[in-house]
Amino acid sequence: MSGQTLTDRIAAAQYSVTGSAVARAVCKATTHEVMGPKKKHLDYLIQATNETNVNIPQMADTLFERATNSSWVVVFKALVTTHHLMVHGNERFIQYLASRNTLFNLSNFLDKSGSHGYDMSTFIRRYSRYLNEKAFSYRQMAFDFARVKKGADGVMRTMAPEKLLKSMPILQGQIDALLEFDVHPNELTNGVINAAFMLLFKDLIKLFACYNDGVINLLEKFFEMKKGQCKDALEIYKRFLTRMTRVSEFLKVAEQVGIDKGDIPDLTQAPSSLMETLEQHLNTLEGKKPGNKSGAPSPLSKSSPATTVTSPNSTPAKTIDTSPPVDLFATASAAVPVSASKPSSDLLDLQPDFPSGGAAAAAAPAPPPPSGGATAWGVNSSLSTNK
């Protein structure tokens, strides 16, 4: 299956006759050609979302209509185009999607035209669930986690504890939906699924930066929270640790398919002593006896954010480092406390060594996919993270 089909040309001609240039561009972006949507069509649609005279609901309805096609290629490309506009288009596009009660209803989609159709149908079902979840998250939060400011003065780092405890499960749900795409390198066999994978990869980097910021915020405020809040925060942190493993697996796939290692964050597990400290503090609030003879650790205060808690009876080997996690998306110079005699224990190491060696990952757009020649990945060179 190569080149535009007669059906593609007829559909595009019909929209040309009716004068709907946007619908024609949607049709052109979602042809039966087994390749990612062409850059010129995506660029046109992005620009259209910024035009006040363009009917966004009509644009979305055309994409939904293309997603009802029987061909896995057309449906997959409709999803990729929608995702691209959610990321790079005017925010009113995702706002409209979030306002709808239903988006993509593809949980039973199956292209029976061949073995390839069967295989790709699985990823179409998973991908549509993620896009639905992305829109639903926006509906609940009134912002896109992937677009908000990150870092020390970012949205998740400065959010009040009450709102943060409600927001983190929503973010976790979106990350879970993304990770459920669960693709292996040998399944990335064409430009369409590769385009989807690149968009998911870039979303994951941004979402996990937000996730990390939220966890840092929770841990910094943990010893000031009430018992119920501490319990919820500890559960969120435990879920965060389990998701780190799944995120690492996703990033390994990205590395195996040729994405530059410098563009892939390196995740390092947090020390077990941090979990022990949090659990001991919660046990103290609940009136339980500490799990060790040395007693519960002292809470961290705002005046001494990086405190090493040591029991009078403990040896240096049993020292518990409760230094709050630093901004793991900051530059190396900003990540190390000036007053510390040694670097504090990071929650995890997410700072990639970008070729530019410049700004922090959270403050800059996610890196573009590697440009290439006639490879399947080359067709996605337009799917950059620049808004």
Protein backbone atom coordinates (compact mmCIF):
# COMPACT_ATOMS: atom_id res chain seq x y z
CA MET A 1 0.00 0.00 0.00
CA SER A 2 1.87 3.08 -1.20
CA GLY A 3 0.88 6.47 -2.53
CA GLN A 4 -2.45 8.21 -2.22
CA THR A 5 -5.43 6.09 -3.16
CA LEU A 6 -8.25 7.15 -5.42
CA THR A 7 -10.41 7.50 -2.33
CA ASP A 8 -7.90 9.97 -0.85
CA ARG A 9 -7.96 12.11 -3.97
CA ILE A 10 -11.75 12.08 -4.21
CA ALA A 11 -12.14 13.06 -0.55
CA ALA A 12 -9.65 15.92 -0.93
CA ALA A 13 -11.41 17.10 -4.09
CA GLN A 14 -14.78 17.10 -2.34
CA TYR A 15 -13.47 19.40 0.38
CA SER A 16 -11.87 21.63 -2.24
CA VAL A 17 -15.26 22.02 -3.94
CA THR A 18 -17.00 22.89 -0.68
CA GLY A 19 -14.32 25.47 0.08
CA SER A 20 -13.11 23.87 3.33
CA ALA A 21 -9.33 24.26 3.13
CA VAL A 22 -8.88 23.01 6.71
CA ALA A 23 -10.86 19.84 6.06
CA ARG A 24 -8.85 19.30 2.88
CA ALA A 25 -5.60 19.60 4.87
CA VAL A 26 -6.91 17.08 7.41
CA CYS A 27 -7.71 14.73 4.55
CA LYS A 28 -4.25 15.22 3.07
CA ALA A 29 -2.60 14.54 6.44
CA THR A 30 -4.53 11.30 6.89
CA THR A 31 -4.13 9.55 3.53
CA HIS A 32 -3.63 5.82 3.04
CA GLU A 33 0.11 6.31 2.52
CA VAL A 34 2.06 4.31 5.11
CA MET A 35 4.09 7.23 6.40
CA GLY A 36 3.66 9.87 9.05
CA PRO A 37 1.53 12.94 8.26
CA LYS A 38 3.46 15.31 6.02
CA LYS A 39 5.03 18.37 7.60
CA LYS A 40 3.39 20.85 5.25
CA HIS A 41 -0.09 19.64 6.17
CA LEU A 42 0.66 19.62 9.90
CA ASP A 43 2.12 23.13 9.70
CA TYR A 44 -0.97 24.36 7.86
CA LEU A 45 -3.27 22.90 10.51
CA ILE A 46 -1.20 24.34 13.34
CA GLN A 47 -1.43 27.77 11.77
CA ALA A 48 -5.16 27.28 11.29
CA THR A 49 -5.65 26.78 15.04
CA ASN A 50 -4.24 30.27 15.53
CA GLU A 51 -6.67 31.89 13.11
CA THR A 52 -9.72 33.39 14.79
CA ASN A 53 -11.93 32.71 11.76
CA VAL A 54 -11.21 28.96 11.76
CA ASN A 55 -13.89 26.73 13.19
CA ILE A 56 -12.05 24.51 15.71
CA PRO A 57 -15.05 22.19 16.34
CA GLN A 58 -15.32 21.59 12.61
CA MET A 59 -11.61 20.80 12.38
CA ALA A 60 -11.91 18.34 15.28
CA ASP A 61 -15.02 16.75 13.80
CA THR A 62 -13.17 16.14 10.53
CA LEU A 63 -10.40 14.38 12.45
CA PHE A 64 -12.96 12.29 14.34
CA GLU A 65 -14.59 11.40 11.04
CA ARG A 66 -11.27 10.24 9.61
CA ALA A 67 -10.77 8.14 12.75
CA THR A 68 -13.89 6.12 11.84
CA ASN A 69 -12.23 4.84 8.66
CA SER A 70 -11.79 1.09 8.29
CA SER A 71 -8.09 1.43 7.38
CA TRP A 72 -5.59 1.33 10.24
CA VAL A 73 -3.36 3.76 8.33
CA VAL A 74 -5.99 6.49 8.07
CA VAL A 75 -7.13 6.04 11.68
CA PHE A 76 -3.59 6.00 13.07
CA LYS A 77 -2.68 9.13 11.10
CA ALA A 78 -5.82 10.87 12.34
CA LEU A 79 -4.69 10.15 15.91
CA VAL A 80 -1.14 11.35 15.21
CA THR A 81 -2.46 14.55 13.62
CA THR A 82 -4.75 15.16 16.59
CA HIS A 83 -1.91 14.57 19.04
CA HIS A 84 0.35 16.90 17.06
CA LEU A 85 -2.25 19.67 17.24
CA MET A 86 -2.81 19.08 20.96
CA VAL A 87 0.91 19.62 21.50
CA HIS A 88 1.81 22.30 18.97
CA GLY A 89 -1.49 23.95 18.06
CA ASN A 90 -3.21 26.85 19.74
CA GLU A 91 -4.42 25.90 23.21
CA ARG A 92 -8.03 26.42 22.18
CA PHE A 93 -7.77 23.16 20.22
CA ILE A 94 -7.11 21.02 23.30
CA GLN A 95 -9.57 23.17 25.24
CA TYR A 96 -12.29 22.19 22.79
CA LEU A 97 -11.36 18.50 22.98
CA ALA A 98 -11.46 18.68 26.77
CA SER A 99 -14.94 20.20 26.64
CA ARG A 100 -16.38 17.24 24.74
CA ASN A 101 -18.00 14.35 26.56
CA THR A 102 -16.51 11.81 24.17
CA LEU A 103 -13.49 11.80 21.89
CA PHE A 104 -12.16 8.69 20.23
CA ASN A 105 -14.24 5.54 20.64
CA LEU A 106 -11.75 3.02 19.29
CA SER A 107 -11.63 0.45 22.08
CA ASN A 108 -12.93 -2.20 19.65
CA PHE A 109 -11.13 -1.04 16.52
CA LEU A 110 -9.75 -3.85 14.36
CA ASP A 111 -8.47 -3.74 10.79
CA LYS A 112 -8.86 -7.26 9.44
CA SER A 113 -7.33 -6.52 6.04
CA GLY A 114 -4.08 -8.29 6.91
CA SER A 115 -1.64 -9.29 9.61
CA HIS A 116 -0.18 -5.79 9.72
CA GLY A 117 -3.66 -4.39 10.27
CA TYR A 118 -4.17 -6.69 13.24
CA ASP A 119 -0.85 -5.65 14.78
CA MET A 120 -1.34 -1.91 14.32
CA SER A 121 -4.94 -2.05 15.57
CA THR A 122 -3.63 -2.93 19.03
CA PHE A 123 -1.56 0.24 19.18
CA ILE A 124 -4.40 2.33 17.77
CA ARG A 125 -6.61 1.24 20.67
CA ARG A 126 -3.89 2.07 23.21
CA TYR A 127 -2.97 5.36 21.56
CA SER A 128 -6.58 6.56 21.46
CA ARG A 129 -6.94 5.81 25.17
CA TYR A 130 -3.93 8.01 25.89
CA LEU A 131 -5.27 10.91 23.83
CA ASN A 132 -8.61 10.61 25.62
CA GLU A 133 -6.79 10.67 28.95
CA LYS A 134 -4.70 13.67 27.89
CA ALA A 135 -7.86 15.63 27.09
CA PHE A 136 -9.53 14.44 30.30
CA SER A 137 -6.53 15.61 32.36
CA TYR A 138 -6.84 19.03 30.78
CA ARG A 139 -10.54 19.08 31.61
CA GLN A 140 -9.81 18.36 35.27
CA MET A 141 -6.80 20.65 35.66
CA ALA A 142 -7.62 23.44 33.16
CA PHE A 143 -4.02 23.21 31.89
CA ASP A 144 -1.82 20.78 29.99
CA PHE A 145 0.85 19.19 32.20
CA ALA A 146 3.18 19.04 29.19
CA ARG A 147 2.90 22.78 28.55
CA VAL A 148 3.21 24.27 32.03
CA LYS A 149 6.38 25.81 33.41
CA LYS A 150 8.70 23.38 35.16
CA GLY A 151 11.59 23.71 37.57
CA ALA A 152 12.03 25.45 40.91
CA ASP A 153 9.38 28.09 40.20
CA GLY A 154 7.21 25.85 38.05
CA VAL A 155 3.55 24.99 38.51
CA MET A 156 3.99 21.67 40.31
CA ARG A 157 6.84 22.89 42.54
CA THR A 158 4.86 25.87 43.80
CA MET A 159 1.44 24.24 44.06
CA ALA A 160 -0.24 24.19 47.49
CA PRO A 161 -0.23 20.77 49.21
CA GLU A 162 -4.02 20.36 49.13
CA LYS A 163 -4.20 20.94 45.38
CA LEU A 164 -1.03 18.95 44.77
CA LEU A 165 -2.45 15.85 46.47
CA LYS A 166 -5.45 16.04 44.12
CA SER A 167 -3.40 16.81 41.02
CA MET A 168 -0.77 14.09 41.30
CA PRO A 169 -3.19 11.15 40.77
CA ILE A 170 -4.47 12.87 37.60
CA LEU A 171 -0.92 13.23 36.32
CA GLN A 172 -0.18 9.63 37.29
CA GLY A 173 -3.21 8.49 35.31
CA GLN A 174 -2.03 10.29 32.19
CA ILE A 175 1.47 8.83 32.50
CA ASP A 176 0.00 5.35 33.01
CA ALA A 177 -2.09 5.68 29.86
CA LEU A 178 1.00 6.72 27.92
CA LEU A 179 3.10 3.83 29.23
CA GLU A 180 0.37 1.39 28.26
CA PHE A 181 1.30 2.01 24.63
CA ASP A 182 3.94 -0.63 25.50
CA VAL A 183 5.68 -0.96 22.16
CA HIS A 184 8.84 -2.99 21.49
CA PRO A 185 11.57 -1.88 19.08
CA ASN A 186 10.77 -4.61 16.55
CA GLU A 187 7.18 -3.33 16.38
CA LEU A 188 8.18 0.15 15.24
CA THR A 189 8.10 -0.93 11.63
CA ASN A 190 6.61 2.02 9.74
CA GLY A 191 6.48 5.80 9.66
CA VAL A 192 2.99 6.02 11.14
CA ILE A 193 3.66 4.23 14.42
CA ASN A 194 7.08 5.87 14.57
CA ALA A 195 5.44 9.30 14.40
CA ALA A 196 3.15 8.33 17.27
CA PHE A 197 6.06 6.98 19.31
CA MET A 198 8.06 10.21 18.90
CA LEU A 199 5.14 12.29 20.14
CA LEU A 200 4.64 9.94 23.09
CA PHE A 201 8.35 10.02 23.91
CA LYS A 202 8.40 13.82 24.02
CA ASP A 203 5.19 13.90 26.07
CA LEU A 204 6.69 11.45 28.55
CA ILE A 205 9.81 13.58 29.08
CA LYS A 206 7.66 16.63 29.85
CA LEU A 207 5.13 14.74 31.96
CA PHE A 208 7.82 13.05 34.03
CA ALA A 209 9.50 16.42 34.61
CA CYS A 210 6.17 17.62 36.04
CA TYR A 211 5.81 14.39 38.00
CA ASN A 212 9.27 14.80 39.46
CA ASP A 213 8.54 18.43 40.38
CA GLY A 214 5.36 17.35 42.14
CA VAL A 215 7.12 14.66 44.14
CA ILE A 216 9.86 17.09 45.15
CA ASN A 217 7.20 19.52 46.34
CA LEU A 218 5.44 16.79 48.31
CA LEU A 219 8.63 15.65 50.01
CA GLU A 220 9.68 19.19 50.88
CA LYS A 221 6.33 19.74 52.62
CA PHE A 222 5.94 16.19 53.94
CA PHE A 223 6.97 16.93 57.53
CA GLU A 224 4.60 19.90 57.71
CA MET A 225 1.53 17.93 56.59
CA LYS A 226 -1.24 16.48 58.67
CA LYS A 227 -1.42 12.73 59.18
CA GLY A 228 -3.95 12.09 56.41
CA GLN A 229 -1.97 14.19 53.96
CA CYS A 230 1.26 12.41 54.87
CA LYS A 231 -0.40 9.07 54.22
CA ASP A 232 -1.60 10.17 50.79
CA ALA A 233 1.77 11.72 49.95
CA LEU A 234 3.60 8.53 50.90
CA GLU A 235 1.34 6.46 48.64
CA ILE A 236 1.96 8.89 45.79
CA TYR A 237 5.71 8.59 46.34
CA LYS A 238 5.52 4.78 46.35
CA ARG A 239 3.61 4.83 43.06
CA PHE A 240 6.20 7.23 41.69
CA LEU A 241 8.97 4.72 42.41
CA THR A 242 7.14 1.89 40.64
CA ARG A 243 6.51 4.11 37.61
CA MET A 244 10.20 4.93 37.40
CA THR A 245 10.84 1.34 36.35
CA ARG A 246 8.23 1.49 33.61
CA VAL A 247 9.48 4.86 32.41
CA SER A 248 13.01 3.45 32.23
CA GLU A 249 11.75 0.59 30.07
CA PHE A 250 10.06 3.06 27.70
CA LEU A 251 13.25 5.10 27.45
CA LYS A 252 15.27 1.97 26.67
CA VAL A 253 13.03 1.41 23.65
CA ALA A 254 13.70 4.99 22.57
CA GLU A 255 17.44 4.37 22.82
CA GLN A 256 17.23 1.09 20.92
CA VAL A 257 15.41 2.66 17.96
CA GLY A 258 18.09 5.28 17.48
CA ILE A 259 17.10 8.32 19.54
CA ASP A 260 20.28 10.07 20.67
CA LYS A 261 21.38 9.01 24.15
CA GLY A 262 21.99 12.64 25.03
CA ASP A 263 18.28 13.29 24.55
CA ILE A 264 17.27 10.51 26.94
CA PRO A 265 17.30 11.23 30.71
CA ASP A 266 19.14 8.85 32.99
CA LEU A 267 16.93 7.69 35.85
CA THR A 268 18.61 6.76 39.12
CA GLN A 269 16.66 5.17 41.97
CA ALA A 270 16.32 7.14 45.19
CA PRO A 271 18.09 5.80 48.29
CA SER A 272 16.05 3.42 50.43
CA SER A 273 16.80 5.55 53.49
CA LEU A 274 14.45 8.21 52.15
CA MET A 275 11.50 5.83 52.16
CA GLU A 276 12.42 4.65 55.65
CA THR A 277 12.46 8.22 56.92
CA LEU A 278 9.04 9.00 55.46
CA GLU A 279 7.51 5.81 56.86
CA GLN A 280 9.01 6.44 60.29
CA HIS A 281 7.54 9.95 60.39
CA LEU A 282 4.09 8.64 59.39
CA ASN A 283 4.32 5.94 62.05
CA THR A 284 5.10 8.62 64.61
CA LEU A 285 2.01 10.61 63.60
CA GLU A 286 -0.12 7.47 63.83
CA GLY A 287 1.22 6.70 67.30
CA LYS A 288 3.06 3.58 66.24
CA LYS A 289 6.39 2.60 67.69
CA PRO A 290 9.33 3.21 65.39
CA GLY A 291 10.60 0.19 63.48
CA ASN A 292 14.12 0.57 64.92
CA LYS A 293 15.60 1.26 68.33
CA SER A 294 16.98 4.61 67.38
CA GLY A 295 13.57 6.26 67.29
CA ALA A 296 11.79 8.34 64.69
CA PRO A 297 13.72 10.98 62.77
CA SER A 298 13.28 14.64 63.39
CA PRO A 299 11.08 16.43 60.89
CA LEU A 300 12.62 18.66 58.26
CA SER A 301 12.00 22.34 58.79
CA LYS A 302 11.96 25.21 56.35
CA SER A 303 14.92 26.76 58.13
CA SER A 304 17.06 23.66 57.53
CA PRO A 305 15.83 22.05 54.33
CA ALA A 306 18.85 19.77 54.00
CA THR A 307 19.12 17.97 57.34
CA THR A 308 20.90 14.71 58.00
CA VAL A 309 18.97 13.02 60.79
CA THR A 310 21.03 10.85 63.09
CA SER A 311 19.95 9.02 66.21
CA PRO A 312 22.13 9.60 69.31
CA ASN A 313 22.76 5.85 69.45
CA SER A 314 23.37 5.33 65.78
CA THR A 315 26.72 4.87 64.14
CA PRO A 316 27.79 6.86 61.09
CA ALA A 317 26.92 3.85 58.95
CA LYS A 318 23.30 4.15 60.05
CA THR A 319 23.00 7.83 59.22
CA ILE A 320 19.77 8.59 57.39
CA ASP A 321 20.10 11.25 54.75
CA THR A 322 16.81 13.08 54.50
CA SER A 323 18.01 15.86 52.26
CA PRO A 324 15.06 16.91 50.14
CA PRO A 325 15.46 16.17 46.45
CA VAL A 326 16.95 18.93 44.37
CA ASP A 327 15.68 20.14 41.03
CA LEU A 328 16.75 17.25 38.86
CA PHE A 329 16.03 19.15 35.66
CA ALA A 330 18.29 22.04 36.63
CA THR A 331 21.78 22.62 35.35
CA ALA A 332 24.60 20.86 37.13
CA SER A 333 25.78 24.04 38.85
CA ALA A 334 22.30 24.81 40.17
CA ALA A 335 21.64 21.28 41.33
CA VAL A 336 24.34 21.23 44.02
CA PRO A 337 23.61 23.16 47.24
CA VAL A 338 26.34 25.72 47.91
CA SER A 339 26.37 25.17 51.64
CA ALA A 340 26.54 21.38 51.50
CA SER A 341 29.83 19.65 52.15
CA LYS A 342 28.73 16.88 49.79
CA PRO A 343 26.01 16.64 47.16
CA SER A 344 22.64 15.73 48.65
CA SER A 345 20.97 12.50 47.62
CA ASP A 346 18.95 13.14 44.51
CA LEU A 347 15.49 11.71 44.17
CA LEU A 348 16.60 10.58 40.73
CA ASP A 349 18.97 11.81 38.06
CA LEU A 350 17.03 13.13 35.08
CA GLN A 351 19.54 15.59 33.64
CA PRO A 352 20.54 14.54 30.13
CA ASP A 353 23.81 15.78 28.71
CA PHE A 354 22.43 17.68 25.76
CA PRO A 355 24.88 18.50 23.02
CA SER A 356 24.39 22.22 23.64
CA GLY A 357 25.16 21.83 27.34
CA GLY A 358 22.99 24.86 27.93
CA ALA A 359 19.64 25.47 29.55
CA ALA A 360 17.83 23.06 31.79
CA ALA A 361 15.61 20.46 30.22
CA ALA A 362 12.56 21.70 32.06
CA ALA A 363 13.04 25.26 30.90
CA ALA A 364 13.58 24.33 27.27
CA PRO A 365 11.53 22.34 24.77
CA ALA A 366 12.18 18.63 24.62
CA PRO A 367 14.87 17.78 22.05
CA PRO A 368 13.78 17.20 18.45
CA PRO A 369 13.92 13.72 17.00
CA PRO A 370 17.06 12.84 15.12
CA SER A 371 16.96 13.98 11.57
CA GLY A 372 17.62 11.31 9.09
CA GLY A 373 17.66 10.39 5.49
CA ALA A 374 15.37 7.82 3.99
CA THR A 375 14.64 6.02 7.24
CA ALA A 376 11.20 5.53 8.72
CA TRP A 377 12.15 8.01 11.47
CA GLY A 378 13.03 10.67 8.93
CA VAL A 379 9.39 11.38 8.12
CA ASN A 380 8.90 12.60 11.67
CA SER A 381 11.48 15.34 11.60
CA SER A 382 8.64 17.86 11.71
CA LEU A 383 7.35 16.60 15.03
CA SER A 384 9.45 18.90 17.16
CA THR A 385 8.45 20.06 20.62
CA ASN A 386 8.55 23.73 19.75
CA LYS A 387 5.17 25.33 20.27
